[in-house]
Amino acid sequence: MSDILLTIPEIDERIAGIRENLRELIEQAAAYSGAADEELASERIAEQEEELERLLKRREELSAQKS
């Protein structure tokens, strides 16, 4: 996904969505039983955390450019 052309408000919207996804995934992980389910939940959480970090970094870069 290319976020180079995103505006700060668009990035903020995606960040909010990812944070909501993380909350839901963590709740689901707490309810799962079984190693396969836990592994899948852990992978999804890790993916969302990576995406969140990438978007936060991009937002910071854009904010610095506007200053």
Foldseek 3Di string as FASTA:
>chain_A
DDCLPPDLVRLVVVLVVLVVVLVVLVVVLVVDDDDVSVVVSVVVNVVSVVVNVVSVVVSVVNVVVVD
